[in-house]
N, C-alpha and C. Protein backbone atom coordinates (compact mmCIF):
# COMPACT_ATOMS: atom_id res chain seq x y z
N ALA A 1 -11.65 6.54 -24.34
CA ALA A 1 -10.82 5.50 -25.48
C ALA A 1 -11.82 4.97 -26.26
N GLY A 2 -13.34 5.66 -25.82
CA GLY A 2 -14.46 5.21 -26.95
C GLY A 2 -13.90 6.04 -28.03
N ILE A 3 -13.71 7.10 -27.55
CA ILE A 3 -13.77 8.28 -29.30
C ILE A 3 -12.24 8.24 -29.96
N LEU A 4 -11.03 7.62 -28.84
CA LEU A 4 -10.16 7.56 -29.75
C LEU A 4 -10.26 6.17 -30.82
N GLY A 5 -10.78 4.91 -30.02
CA GLY A 5 -11.17 3.73 -30.88
C GLY A 5 -11.20 4.11 -32.23
N LEU A 6 -12.98 4.81 -32.22
CA LEU A 6 -13.90 5.52 -33.28
C LEU A 6 -13.06 6.22 -34.35
N LEU A 7 -11.65 7.13 -33.51
CA LEU A 7 -11.48 8.35 -34.20
C LEU A 7 -10.22 7.48 -35.13
N VAL A 8 -9.48 6.37 -34.55
CA VAL A 8 -8.37 5.04 -35.12
C VAL A 8 -9.16 4.31 -36.35
N ALA A 9 -9.83 3.89 -36.20
CA ALA A 9 -11.19 3.20 -36.52
C ALA A 9 -11.04 4.08 -38.37
N ASP A 10 -12.03 5.28 -37.97
CA ASP A 10 -12.15 5.91 -38.93
C ASP A 10 -10.81 6.66 -40.11
N ILE A 11 -9.97 6.96 -39.08
CA ILE A 11 -8.41 7.18 -39.83
C ILE A 11 -7.77 5.94 -40.54
N MET A 12 -7.90 4.79 -40.09
CA MET A 12 -7.63 3.64 -40.87
C MET A 12 -8.29 3.58 -42.29
N GLU A 13 -9.60 3.50 -41.74
CA GLU A 13 -10.58 3.61 -43.35
C GLU A 13 -10.10 4.12 -44.20
N HIS A 14 -10.07 5.77 -44.01
CA HIS A 14 -9.64 6.60 -45.08
C HIS A 14 -8.06 6.33 -45.21
N VAL A 15 -7.50 6.12 -44.09
CA VAL A 15 -5.55 5.64 -45.03
C VAL A 15 -5.66 4.69 -46.16
N GLN A 16 -6.66 3.38 -45.76
CA GLN A 16 -6.30 2.27 -46.57
C GLN A 16 -7.26 3.12 -48.49
N LYS A 17 -8.11 4.32 -48.38
CA LYS A 17 -8.74 4.64 -49.31
C LYS A 17 -7.46 5.78 -50.07
N VAL A 18 -6.90 6.18 -49.14
CA VAL A 18 -5.87 7.16 -49.71
C VAL A 18 -4.74 6.48 -50.26
N LEU A 19 -4.52 4.80 -49.64
CA LEU A 19 -3.38 4.43 -50.31
C LEU A 19 -3.66 3.69 -51.70
N ASP A 20 -5.29 3.37 -52.00
CA ASP A 20 -5.57 2.89 -52.65
C ASP A 20 -5.68 4.00 -53.87
N ASP A 21 -5.99 5.33 -54.06
CA ASP A 21 -5.76 6.38 -54.77
C ASP A 21 -4.68 6.84 -54.82
N LEU A 22 -3.43 6.56 -54.20
CA LEU A 22 -1.88 7.26 -54.37
C LEU A 22 -1.77 6.02 -55.28
N GLU A 23 -2.02 4.87 -55.08
CA GLU A 23 -1.69 3.47 -56.35
C GLU A 23 -2.09 4.00 -57.72
N LYS A 24 -3.70 4.10 -57.73
CA LYS A 24 -4.09 4.52 -58.98
C LYS A 24 -3.13 5.76 -59.81
N PHE A 25 -2.66 6.62 -59.09
CA PHE A 25 -2.47 7.90 -59.48
C PHE A 25 -0.87 7.57 -59.53
N GLY A 26 -0.21 6.47 -58.94
CA GLY A 26 1.04 6.18 -59.35
C GLY A 26 1.00 5.73 -60.25
N GLN A 27 0.68 4.82 -60.53
CA GLN A 27 0.36 4.26 -61.86
C GLN A 27 -0.06 4.59 -63.38
N SER A 28 -0.63 6.07 -62.81
CA SER A 28 -1.02 6.71 -64.30
C SER A 28 -0.25 7.88 -64.55
N GLN A 29 1.51 7.58 -63.41
CA GLN A 29 2.40 8.75 -64.21
C GLN A 29 3.51 7.82 -64.57
N PRO A 30 3.56 7.53 -65.60
CA PRO A 30 4.64 6.43 -66.50
C PRO A 30 5.90 6.79 -65.75
N GLU A 31 7.04 8.14 -65.95
CA GLU A 31 8.00 8.49 -65.74
C GLU A 31 8.06 7.98 -64.00
N PHE A 32 7.39 8.24 -63.14
CA PHE A 32 7.17 7.97 -62.08
C PHE A 32 7.11 6.38 -61.52
N LYS A 33 6.06 5.78 -62.24
CA LYS A 33 6.22 4.36 -62.30
C LYS A 33 7.41 3.38 -62.99
N LYS A 34 7.91 4.13 -63.86
CA LYS A 34 9.38 3.81 -64.20
C LYS A 34 10.50 3.87 -63.29
N PHE A 35 10.31 4.72 -62.66
CA PHE A 35 11.08 5.00 -61.38
C PHE A 35 11.27 4.07 -60.50
N CYS A 36 9.77 4.02 -60.05
CA CYS A 36 9.50 2.89 -58.96
C CYS A 36 10.19 1.40 -59.21
N ASP A 37 9.41 1.29 -60.32
CA ASP A 37 10.04 -0.27 -61.25
C ASP A 37 11.62 -0.71 -61.33
N LYS A 38 11.94 0.43 -61.30
CA LYS A 38 13.44 0.39 -61.29
C LYS A 38 13.93 -0.04 -59.66
N TYR A 39 13.30 0.18 -58.60
CA TYR A 39 14.05 -0.35 -57.35
C TYR A 39 12.69 -1.05 -56.70
N GLY A 40 12.06 -1.52 -57.21
CA GLY A 40 10.87 -2.62 -56.94
C GLY A 40 10.09 -2.23 -55.94
N VAL A 41 9.69 -0.87 -56.39
CA VAL A 41 8.71 -0.25 -55.16
C VAL A 41 7.49 0.00 -55.88
N PRO A 42 6.24 -0.20 -55.27
CA PRO A 42 4.85 0.24 -55.69
C PRO A 42 4.74 1.33 -55.52
N PRO A 43 4.37 2.07 -56.83
CA PRO A 43 4.32 3.82 -56.64
C PRO A 43 3.15 4.34 -55.51
N GLY A 44 2.10 3.30 -55.34
CA GLY A 44 1.34 3.89 -54.42
C GLY A 44 1.95 3.59 -52.70
N ALA A 45 3.08 2.93 -52.53
CA ALA A 45 3.68 2.79 -51.31
C ALA A 45 4.80 3.93 -51.48
N ALA A 46 5.72 4.39 -52.80
CA ALA A 46 6.15 5.53 -52.60
C ALA A 46 5.95 6.84 -52.60
N LEU A 47 4.40 7.16 -52.65
CA LEU A 47 3.94 8.08 -52.87
C LEU A 47 3.88 8.31 -50.91
N ALA A 48 2.99 7.00 -50.49
CA ALA A 48 2.85 7.12 -48.90
C ALA A 48 3.87 7.38 -48.42
N GLY A 49 4.90 6.75 -48.55
CA GLY A 49 6.22 6.99 -47.76
C GLY A 49 6.61 8.40 -47.89
N ILE A 50 6.36 9.22 -48.75
CA ILE A 50 6.53 10.48 -49.16
C ILE A 50 5.51 11.63 -48.08
N LEU A 51 4.80 11.13 -48.45
CA LEU A 51 3.13 11.72 -47.42
C LEU A 51 3.79 11.48 -46.21
N GLY A 52 4.28 10.25 -45.63
CA GLY A 52 4.28 9.89 -44.35
C GLY A 52 5.67 10.47 -43.72
N LEU A 53 6.50 10.45 -44.54
CA LEU A 53 7.89 11.83 -44.13
C LEU A 53 7.08 12.89 -43.82
N LEU A 54 6.51 13.18 -44.76
CA LEU A 54 6.05 14.85 -44.48
C LEU A 54 4.99 14.76 -42.71
N VAL A 55 4.37 13.89 -42.91
CA VAL A 55 3.50 13.42 -41.17
C VAL A 55 4.23 13.85 -40.44
N VAL A 56 5.45 13.09 -40.50
CA VAL A 56 6.21 12.56 -39.36
C VAL A 56 7.22 13.85 -38.86
N ILE A 57 7.63 14.55 -40.03
CA ILE A 57 7.81 15.90 -39.74
C ILE A 57 7.39 17.04 -39.10
N GLY A 58 6.15 16.89 -39.56
CA GLY A 58 5.02 17.61 -39.22
C GLY A 58 4.79 17.40 -37.86
N VAL A 59 4.38 16.15 -37.30
CA VAL A 59 4.55 15.52 -35.79
C VAL A 59 5.43 16.00 -34.93
N ILE A 60 6.82 16.09 -35.40
CA ILE A 60 7.99 16.37 -34.52
C ILE A 60 7.57 18.20 -34.16
N THR A 61 7.40 18.86 -35.20
CA THR A 61 7.38 20.33 -35.32
C THR A 61 6.13 20.74 -34.55
N GLN A 62 4.86 20.01 -35.02
CA GLN A 62 3.42 20.45 -34.59
C GLN A 62 2.85 19.42 -33.90
N GLY A 63 3.65 18.75 -33.42
CA GLY A 63 2.91 17.54 -32.81
C GLY A 63 1.40 17.80 -31.91
N TYR A 64 1.52 18.37 -31.13
CA TYR A 64 0.41 18.83 -30.31
C TYR A 64 -0.88 19.26 -30.85
N ASN A 65 -0.19 20.18 -31.97
CA ASN A 65 -1.50 20.95 -32.83
C ASN A 65 -1.97 19.60 -33.78
N ILE A 66 -1.54 19.01 -34.09
CA ILE A 66 -1.90 18.12 -35.10
C ILE A 66 -2.98 17.27 -34.44
N LEU A 67 -2.64 16.76 -33.62
CA LEU A 67 -3.49 15.84 -32.36
C LEU A 67 -4.55 16.84 -32.09
N VAL A 68 -4.59 18.32 -31.70
CA VAL A 68 -5.82 19.17 -31.08
C VAL A 68 -6.67 19.30 -32.75
N ALA A 69 -5.67 19.14 -33.88
CA ALA A 69 -6.85 19.41 -35.03
C ALA A 69 -7.68 17.71 -35.43
N LEU A 70 -6.92 16.63 -35.24
CA LEU A 70 -7.43 15.76 -35.18
C LEU A 70 -8.66 15.41 -34.61
N ILE A 71 -8.41 15.57 -33.52
CA ILE A 71 -9.83 15.46 -32.35
C ILE A 71 -10.89 16.59 -32.58
N THR A 72 -10.22 17.72 -32.72
CA THR A 72 -11.57 18.99 -32.57
C THR A 72 -12.22 18.84 -33.88
N CYS A 73 -11.36 19.02 -34.99
CA CYS A 73 -11.94 19.34 -36.42
C CYS A 73 -11.73 18.01 -37.41
N VAL A 74 -10.85 17.25 -37.56
CA VAL A 74 -10.86 16.23 -38.34
C VAL A 74 -12.19 15.35 -38.15
N TYR A 75 -11.99 14.70 -36.72
CA TYR A 75 -13.31 13.72 -36.51
C TYR A 75 -14.26 14.16 -36.18
N PRO A 76 -14.83 15.67 -36.00
CA PRO A 76 -16.25 15.92 -36.35
C PRO A 76 -16.75 15.76 -37.62
N MET A 77 -15.46 16.09 -38.41
CA MET A 77 -16.24 16.73 -40.02
C MET A 77 -16.21 15.51 -40.72
N LEU A 78 -15.39 14.38 -40.37
CA LEU A 78 -16.04 12.96 -40.96
C LEU A 78 -17.39 12.49 -40.28
N GLN A 79 -17.46 12.69 -38.91
CA GLN A 79 -18.72 12.01 -38.28
C GLN A 79 -20.19 12.88 -39.11
N SER A 80 -19.74 14.13 -39.11
CA SER A 80 -21.01 15.00 -40.00
C SER A 80 -20.89 14.72 -41.30
N ILE A 81 -19.87 14.24 -42.01
CA ILE A 81 -20.13 13.97 -43.44
C ILE A 81 -20.91 12.41 -43.51
N LYS A 82 -20.68 11.89 -42.96
CA LYS A 82 -21.55 10.23 -42.15
C LYS A 82 -22.64 10.85 -41.95
N ALA A 83 -22.85 11.43 -40.77
CA ALA A 83 -24.70 11.72 -40.80
C ALA A 83 -25.47 12.24 -41.88
N ILE A 84 -24.73 13.13 -42.69
CA ILE A 84 -25.57 13.64 -43.83
C ILE A 84 -25.63 12.53 -44.94
N GLU A 85 -24.30 11.88 -45.09
CA GLU A 85 -24.71 11.08 -46.20
C GLU A 85 -25.84 9.93 -45.98
N LYS A 86 -25.82 9.55 -44.68
CA LYS A 86 -26.94 8.96 -44.06
C LYS A 86 -28.27 9.06 -43.71
N LYS A 87 -27.93 10.19 -43.61
CA LYS A 87 -29.32 11.15 -43.77
C LYS A 87 -30.20 10.73 -42.07
N ASP A 88 -29.39 11.06 -41.24
CA ASP A 88 -29.54 10.40 -40.11
C ASP A 88 -29.62 11.86 -39.14
N ASN A 89 -30.93 12.12 -39.00
CA ASN A 89 -31.70 13.73 -37.97
C ASN A 89 -30.61 13.75 -36.96
N ASP A 90 -30.86 12.82 -35.99
CA ASP A 90 -30.39 12.71 -34.68
C ASP A 90 -28.78 13.02 -34.61
N THR A 91 -28.26 11.99 -35.36
CA THR A 91 -26.70 12.41 -35.71
C THR A 91 -26.29 13.73 -35.90
N THR A 92 -27.01 14.41 -37.30
CA THR A 92 -27.14 15.20 -37.61
C THR A 92 -27.29 16.63 -36.91
N ASN A 93 -28.38 16.48 -36.16
CA ASN A 93 -28.48 17.51 -35.16
C ASN A 93 -27.34 17.85 -33.65
N ARG A 94 -26.84 16.10 -33.44
CA ARG A 94 -26.10 16.35 -32.40
C ARG A 94 -24.87 16.79 -32.92
N TRP A 95 -24.34 16.54 -34.45
CA TRP A 95 -23.00 17.58 -34.91
C TRP A 95 -22.95 18.79 -34.76
N LEU A 96 -24.36 19.14 -35.58
CA LEU A 96 -24.73 20.81 -35.90
C LEU A 96 -24.57 21.55 -34.26
N SER A 97 -25.02 20.85 -33.44
CA SER A 97 -24.65 21.17 -31.97
C SER A 97 -23.42 21.42 -31.88
N PHE A 98 -22.96 20.27 -32.27
CA PHE A 98 -21.47 20.70 -31.45
C PHE A 98 -20.49 21.91 -32.71
N TRP A 99 -21.05 21.85 -33.86
CA TRP A 99 -19.85 23.00 -34.93
C TRP A 99 -20.92 24.62 -34.18
N THR A 100 -21.97 24.34 -33.85
CA THR A 100 -22.62 25.76 -32.80
C THR A 100 -21.61 26.11 -31.95
N VAL A 101 -21.46 25.25 -31.12
CA VAL A 101 -20.59 25.25 -29.41
C VAL A 101 -19.35 26.10 -29.95
N PHE A 102 -18.53 24.97 -31.16
CA PHE A 102 -17.49 25.59 -31.41
C PHE A 102 -17.02 26.73 -32.46
N GLY A 103 -17.82 26.76 -33.11
CA GLY A 103 -18.00 28.43 -33.26
C GLY A 103 -17.96 29.30 -32.52
N LEU A 104 -18.71 29.24 -31.55
CA LEU A 104 -19.02 30.36 -30.51
C LEU A 104 -17.85 30.22 -29.52
N TYR A 105 -16.96 29.25 -29.03
CA TYR A 105 -16.01 28.86 -28.60
C TYR A 105 -14.78 30.02 -29.29
N GLN A 106 -14.63 29.69 -30.76
CA GLN A 106 -13.81 30.15 -31.26
C GLN A 106 -13.72 31.44 -31.30
N THR A 107 -14.71 32.13 -31.33
CA THR A 107 -14.95 33.39 -31.31
C THR A 107 -14.58 34.06 -30.29
N PHE A 108 -14.80 33.58 -28.80
CA PHE A 108 -14.65 34.02 -27.74
C PHE A 108 -13.31 33.84 -27.45
N GLU A 109 -12.55 32.62 -27.94
CA GLU A 109 -11.33 32.61 -27.72
C GLU A 109 -10.39 33.65 -28.56
N MET A 110 -10.75 33.90 -29.69
CA MET A 110 -10.09 34.80 -30.87
C MET A 110 -10.28 36.21 -29.73
N PHE A 111 -10.83 36.60 -29.07
CA PHE A 111 -11.22 38.02 -28.06
C PHE A 111 -10.31 37.65 -27.02
N PHE A 112 -10.27 36.46 -26.34
CA PHE A 112 -10.11 36.76 -24.73
C PHE A 112 -8.72 35.65 -24.77
N CYS A 113 -7.98 35.63 -25.84
CA CYS A 113 -6.84 34.57 -25.87
C CYS A 113 -5.60 34.65 -25.12
N CYS A 114 -5.74 36.31 -25.06
CA CYS A 114 -4.34 36.88 -24.19
C CYS A 114 -4.98 36.35 -22.60
N VAL A 115 -6.14 36.35 -22.04
CA VAL A 115 -6.45 36.27 -20.78
C VAL A 115 -6.21 34.46 -20.76
N LEU A 116 -6.95 33.87 -21.50
CA LEU A 116 -6.96 32.27 -21.40
C LEU A 116 -5.54 31.89 -21.50
N ASP A 117 -4.44 32.28 -21.85
CA ASP A 117 -3.30 31.86 -22.04
C ASP A 117 -2.50 32.09 -20.49
N PHE A 118 -3.42 32.44 -19.98
CA PHE A 118 -2.60 32.78 -18.24
C PHE A 118 -2.97 31.48 -17.75
N ILE A 119 -4.01 31.09 -17.84
CA ILE A 119 -4.82 29.77 -17.27
C ILE A 119 -3.90 28.66 -17.50
N PRO A 120 -3.41 27.76 -15.97
CA PRO A 120 -2.76 27.17 -16.04
C PRO A 120 -3.13 25.50 -16.83
N TYR A 121 -2.54 25.23 -17.97
CA TYR A 121 -2.78 23.84 -18.27
C TYR A 121 -3.75 24.17 -19.30
N TYR A 122 -3.93 25.65 -20.04
CA TYR A 122 -5.48 25.80 -20.43
C TYR A 122 -5.25 24.76 -21.61
N SER A 123 -4.06 24.37 -22.17
CA SER A 123 -4.56 23.82 -23.67
C SER A 123 -5.03 22.00 -23.36
N ILE A 124 -4.61 21.43 -22.29
CA ILE A 124 -5.05 20.28 -21.93
C ILE A 124 -6.69 20.31 -21.54
N VAL A 125 -6.94 21.49 -20.98
CA VAL A 125 -8.40 21.59 -20.46
C VAL A 125 -9.34 22.04 -21.57
N ARG A 126 -8.59 22.90 -22.59
CA ARG A 126 -9.42 23.14 -23.81
C ARG A 126 -9.61 21.79 -24.61
N LEU A 127 -8.55 20.90 -24.49
CA LEU A 127 -8.62 19.62 -25.10
C LEU A 127 -9.85 18.57 -24.64
N ILE A 128 -9.77 18.60 -23.38
CA ILE A 128 -10.72 18.01 -22.40
C ILE A 128 -12.64 18.62 -22.88
N PHE A 129 -12.38 19.71 -22.82
CA PHE A 129 -13.66 20.62 -22.97
C PHE A 129 -13.98 19.80 -24.58
N PHE A 130 -13.58 19.99 -25.46
CA PHE A 130 -13.43 19.39 -26.87
C PHE A 130 -14.24 18.02 -26.84
N MET A 131 -13.75 17.15 -26.19
CA MET A 131 -13.90 15.77 -25.91
C MET A 131 -15.07 15.78 -25.29
N PHE A 132 -15.23 16.90 -24.63
CA PHE A 132 -16.63 16.76 -23.49
C PHE A 132 -17.66 17.18 -24.50
N LEU A 133 -17.79 17.70 -25.46
CA LEU A 133 -18.68 18.13 -26.28
C LEU A 133 -18.96 16.78 -27.22
N MET A 134 -17.85 16.27 -27.59
CA MET A 134 -17.95 15.54 -28.62
C MET A 134 -18.50 13.74 -28.15
N LEU A 135 -18.07 13.32 -27.11
CA LEU A 135 -18.44 11.97 -26.68
C LEU A 135 -19.89 11.72 -26.24
N PRO A 136 -20.22 10.91 -27.19
CA PRO A 136 -21.96 10.48 -27.04
C PRO A 136 -22.24 10.14 -25.45
N GLN A 137 -21.49 9.76 -24.67
CA GLN A 137 -21.52 9.49 -23.48
C GLN A 137 -21.62 11.09 -22.72
N THR A 138 -21.43 11.69 -23.08
CA THR A 138 -21.62 12.97 -22.30
C THR A 138 -22.90 14.26 -22.94
N ASN A 139 -22.30 13.69 -24.45
CA ASN A 139 -23.69 14.81 -25.55
C ASN A 139 -23.41 16.15 -24.92
N GLY A 140 -21.93 16.88 -24.61
CA GLY A 140 -22.44 18.45 -24.43
C GLY A 140 -22.23 18.88 -25.07
N ALA A 141 -22.24 18.95 -26.27
CA ALA A 141 -22.59 20.00 -26.85
C ALA A 141 -24.26 20.27 -27.10
N GLN A 142 -24.97 19.06 -27.16
CA GLN A 142 -26.38 19.13 -27.48
C GLN A 142 -26.85 19.57 -26.24
N THR A 143 -26.11 19.32 -25.01
CA THR A 143 -26.77 19.91 -23.60
C THR A 143 -26.26 21.21 -23.53
N ILE A 144 -25.50 21.46 -24.05
CA ILE A 144 -25.04 23.10 -23.57
C ILE A 144 -26.15 23.98 -24.85
N TYR A 145 -26.47 23.37 -26.16
CA TYR A 145 -27.06 23.94 -26.71
C TYR A 145 -28.38 24.31 -26.38
N VAL A 146 -29.11 23.19 -26.10
CA VAL A 146 -30.28 23.17 -25.51
C VAL A 146 -30.50 24.19 -24.04
N LYS A 147 -29.58 23.95 -23.05
CA LYS A 147 -29.63 24.51 -22.06
C LYS A 147 -29.28 25.89 -21.76
N VAL A 148 -28.46 26.43 -22.78
CA VAL A 148 -27.77 27.44 -22.82
C VAL A 148 -27.97 28.07 -24.11
N ILE A 149 -27.48 28.20 -25.22
CA ILE A 149 -27.24 28.77 -26.21
C ILE A 149 -28.97 29.06 -26.76
N GLN A 150 -29.57 27.68 -27.01
CA GLN A 150 -31.23 27.92 -27.44
C GLN A 150 -32.45 29.16 -26.41
N PRO A 151 -32.00 28.98 -25.08
CA PRO A 151 -32.77 29.68 -24.45
C PRO A 151 -32.24 31.50 -24.61
N LEU A 152 -31.19 31.52 -25.00
CA LEU A 152 -30.47 32.69 -24.90
C LEU A 152 -31.22 33.58 -26.46
N LEU A 153 -31.15 32.49 -27.21
CA LEU A 153 -31.44 32.80 -28.79
C LEU A 153 -33.31 33.58 -28.78
N LYS A 154 -33.78 32.47 -28.09
CA LYS A 154 -35.13 32.93 -28.22
C LYS A 154 -35.55 34.07 -27.32
N GLU A 155 -34.77 34.25 -26.37
CA GLU A 155 -34.66 35.60 -25.44
C GLU A 155 -34.48 36.74 -26.01
N HIS A 156 -33.38 36.63 -26.48
CA HIS A 156 -32.73 38.25 -27.65
C HIS A 156 -32.77 38.03 -28.76
N GLN A 157 -33.35 37.35 -29.58
CA GLN A 157 -34.37 36.88 -30.99
C GLN A 157 -33.80 38.38 -31.49
N LYS A 158 -34.87 39.61 -30.92
CA LYS A 158 -34.76 40.27 -31.39
C LYS A 158 -33.66 41.11 -31.56
N GLU A 159 -33.19 41.34 -30.90
CA GLU A 159 -31.87 42.00 -30.53
C GLU A 159 -30.52 41.71 -31.29
N ILE A 160 -30.68 40.01 -31.30
CA ILE A 160 -29.68 39.73 -32.41
C ILE A 160 -29.95 40.13 -33.94
N GLU A 161 -31.29 39.97 -34.26
CA GLU A 161 -31.39 40.29 -35.64
C GLU A 161 -31.30 41.66 -35.94
N ALA A 162 -31.47 42.79 -34.96
CA ALA A 162 -31.35 43.97 -35.25
C ALA A 162 -29.78 44.09 -35.61
N PHE A 163 -29.30 43.77 -34.47
CA PHE A 163 -27.75 43.91 -34.59
C PHE A 163 -27.27 43.27 -35.87
N VAL A 164 -27.52 42.15 -36.33
CA VAL A 164 -27.23 41.67 -37.60
C VAL A 164 -27.48 42.71 -38.75
N GLN A 165 -28.62 42.92 -38.94
CA GLN A 165 -29.26 44.21 -39.65
C GLN A 165 -28.48 45.30 -39.45
N LYS A 166 -28.32 45.74 -38.37
CA LYS A 166 -27.24 47.10 -38.31
C LYS A 166 -25.84 47.00 -38.99
N VAL A 167 -25.37 45.75 -38.59
CA VAL A 167 -23.62 45.27 -39.10
C VAL A 167 -23.76 45.15 -40.78
N SER A 168 -24.78 44.69 -41.37
CA SER A 168 -25.08 44.39 -42.82
C SER A 168 -25.49 46.00 -43.09
N SER A 169 -26.33 46.65 -42.54
CA SER A 169 -26.30 48.12 -43.23
C SER A 169 -25.09 48.70 -43.43
N GLN A 170 -24.44 48.65 -42.06
CA GLN A 170 -23.06 49.60 -42.13
C GLN A 170 -21.91 49.01 -43.34
N ALA A 171 -21.94 47.51 -42.89
CA ALA A 171 -20.97 46.95 -44.61
C ALA A 171 -21.72 47.71 -45.70
N SER A 172 -22.89 47.52 -45.81
CA SER A 172 -23.11 47.75 -47.16
C SER A 172 -22.92 49.12 -47.67
N ALA A 173 -23.37 50.33 -46.62
CA ALA A 173 -23.05 51.45 -46.91
C ALA A 173 -21.23 51.81 -46.60
N ALA A 174 -20.68 51.25 -46.31
CA ALA A 174 -19.03 51.07 -46.25
C ALA A 174 -18.48 50.67 -48.03
N GLY A 175 -19.01 49.59 -47.85
CA GLY A 175 -18.80 49.14 -49.40
C GLY A 175 -19.31 50.26 -50.61
N LYS A 176 -20.22 50.85 -50.72
CA LYS A 176 -20.91 51.60 -51.45
C LYS A 176 -20.09 53.19 -51.32
N ASP A 177 -19.73 53.32 -50.13
CA ASP A 177 -19.16 54.61 -49.98
C ASP A 177 -17.25 54.27 -51.03
N LEU A 178 -17.17 52.92 -50.58
CA LEU A 178 -15.68 52.60 -50.99
C LEU A 178 -16.06 52.83 -52.46
N VAL A 179 -16.68 52.12 -53.11
CA VAL A 179 -16.71 52.33 -54.55
C VAL A 179 -17.32 53.46 -55.15
N ASP A 180 -17.93 54.04 -54.56
CA ASP A 180 -17.97 55.64 -55.09
C ASP A 180 -16.46 56.21 -55.04
N LYS A 181 -15.98 56.14 -53.75
CA LYS A 181 -14.98 56.93 -54.04
C LYS A 181 -13.65 56.39 -54.70
N ALA A 182 -13.67 54.90 -55.42
CA ALA A 182 -12.97 54.31 -56.41
C ALA A 182 -13.23 54.88 -57.51
N LYS A 183 -14.58 55.32 -57.87
CA LYS A 183 -14.96 55.62 -59.05
C LYS A 183 -14.63 57.46 -58.95
N GLU A 184 -14.67 57.99 -58.23
CA GLU A 184 -14.54 59.35 -58.18
C GLU A 184 -12.65 59.39 -58.61
N ALA A 185 -12.18 58.36 -57.83
CA ALA A 185 -10.46 58.66 -58.10
C ALA A 185 -10.31 58.03 -59.42
N SER A 186 -10.88 57.13 -60.25
CA SER A 186 -10.64 57.12 -61.59
C SER A 186 -11.37 57.70 -62.52
N SER A 187 -12.04 59.09 -62.32
CA SER A 187 -12.60 59.79 -63.02
C SER A 187 -11.50 60.48 -64.31
N THR A 188 -11.50 60.80 -65.38
CA THR A 188 -11.12 61.45 -66.27
C THR A 188 -10.08 62.83 -66.02
N GLU A 189 -10.93 63.77 -64.62
CA GLU A 189 -10.21 64.38 -64.48
C GLU A 189 -9.16 63.98 -63.49
N ASN A 190 -9.14 63.43 -62.60
CA ASN A 190 -8.02 62.65 -61.67
C ASN A 190 -7.22 61.89 -62.49
N LEU A 191 -8.03 61.21 -63.24
CA LEU A 191 -6.50 60.41 -63.93
C LEU A 191 -5.83 61.58 -64.83
N VAL A 192 -6.23 62.67 -65.30
CA VAL A 192 -5.47 63.61 -66.09
C VAL A 192 -4.58 64.43 -65.04
N LYS A 193 -5.36 64.54 -63.87
CA LYS A 193 -3.79 65.16 -62.70
C LYS A 193 -3.08 64.55 -62.57
N ALA A 194 -3.17 63.18 -62.25
CA ALA A 194 -2.27 61.97 -62.20
C ALA A 194 -1.13 62.26 -63.23
N ALA A 195 -1.50 62.01 -63.99
CA ALA A 195 -0.64 61.74 -65.38
C ALA A 195 0.43 63.25 -65.49
N ALA A 196 -0.43 64.37 -65.30
CA ALA A 196 0.41 64.93 -65.23
C ALA A 196 1.31 65.53 -64.04
N LYS A 197 0.92 64.87 -62.39
CA LYS A 197 1.84 64.76 -61.69
C LYS A 197 2.92 64.15 -62.03
N VAL A 198 2.74 63.22 -62.36
CA VAL A 198 3.79 61.88 -63.26
C VAL A 198 4.50 62.46 -63.91
N GLN A 199 4.32 63.37 -65.36
CA GLN A 199 5.04 64.00 -66.08
C GLN A 199 6.12 64.82 -65.23
N ASP A 200 5.37 65.93 -64.78
CA ASP A 200 6.27 67.01 -63.83
C ASP A 200 7.63 66.22 -62.83
N VAL A 201 7.06 64.76 -62.15
CA VAL A 201 8.05 64.49 -61.44
C VAL A 201 9.22 63.86 -62.55
N LYS A 202 8.82 63.35 -63.91
CA LYS A 202 9.77 62.48 -64.59
C LYS A 202 10.58 63.73 -65.11
N GLU A 203 10.10 64.78 -65.12
CA GLU A 203 10.96 65.84 -66.03
C GLU A 203 11.82 66.12 -64.80
N SER A 204 11.60 66.70 -63.45
CA SER A 204 12.46 66.79 -62.52
C SER A 204 13.68 66.04 -61.91
N ILE A 205 13.19 64.62 -62.51
CA ILE A 205 14.12 63.67 -62.35
C ILE A 205 15.26 64.01 -63.36
N GLU A 206 14.81 64.08 -64.85
CA GLU A 206 15.31 64.26 -65.71
C GLU A 206 16.55 64.97 -65.66
N THR A 207 15.86 66.70 -65.42
CA THR A 207 16.57 67.54 -65.20
C THR A 207 16.67 68.15 -64.04
N PRO A 208 17.34 67.68 -63.04
CA PRO A 208 17.81 68.19 -61.36
C PRO A 208 18.17 69.01 -61.53
N TYR A 209 18.73 70.18 -62.13
CA TYR A 209 18.64 71.78 -62.04
C TYR A 209 18.06 72.60 -62.10
N GLY A 210 16.64 71.95 -62.94
CA GLY A 210 15.95 72.75 -63.84
C GLY A 210 16.84 74.29 -64.22
N ASN A 211 16.24 75.41 -63.86
CA ASN A 211 16.46 76.46 -64.53
C ASN A 211 17.54 77.10 -63.82
N ASP A 212 18.37 76.64 -63.32
CA ASP A 212 19.00 76.72 -61.82
C ASP A 212 20.60 77.45 -63.05
N PRO A 213 20.93 78.85 -63.13
CA PRO A 213 22.07 79.05 -63.84
C PRO A 213 23.34 78.63 -63.70
N GLN A 214 23.74 77.87 -62.54
CA GLN A 214 24.56 77.33 -61.92
C GLN A 214 24.96 75.81 -62.48
N ASP A 215 23.61 75.54 -63.43
CA ASP A 215 24.36 73.91 -64.15
C ASP A 215 25.20 73.85 -64.87
N PRO A 216 25.69 73.13 -64.55
CA PRO A 216 26.78 73.01 -64.89
C PRO A 216 27.06 72.29 -66.85
N LYS A 217 25.73 71.82 -67.06
CA LYS A 217 25.57 71.22 -68.22
C LYS A 217 25.45 72.83 -69.27
N LYS A 218 24.99 73.78 -68.80
CA LYS A 218 24.84 75.31 -69.28
C LYS A 218 26.19 75.49 -69.73
N ASP A 219 27.25 75.48 -68.68
CA ASP A 219 28.41 75.84 -68.97
C ASP A 219 29.01 75.19 -69.97
N ASP A 220 28.58 74.17 -70.47
CA ASP A 220 29.21 73.38 -71.50
C ASP A 220 28.64 74.02 -72.83
């Protein structure tokens, strides 16, 4: 209930701000304002109604996904922004821990989604897990980071740095090879060959019978 209450409060605060912005935007559009005045509807309310309709359609078609996005992405994002603006180091560290665990989990899920989909009620378990990470009562993200991730990073720091360096080197080499091939393909000699080939194809299309003595055009 705690996290839902905080989420609702944050959402209402941002909704009011959005409504104010919509009203300003609506007032700045003469034609739209004229249309709204004709029916006695405030421009901001009209825009909010349009957006609300789109949200309702989204909830009907993607209700669970929207709920998951609000809890796992939107709420943490808002809290992270607040922590940065207030320069609260403890809160910032807590949300940095969350995003670290979140990123690792998303990577794990990307590779093993086919297996995870067979777990009964996985979507509910996943949602509960993210709430465990975020709730200040459980502080799961920091616990996992301090107890699991941080020791692993310290223990395998050299291997991780070597792996990152290897991947970066391979990516640089692949990029250089691609550039070299692109330069080779765009060389003057290759462009001339390509132009000649195009010309040959064009001529073969225009003269389908070529030098064939049976060409009906020659009989004419």
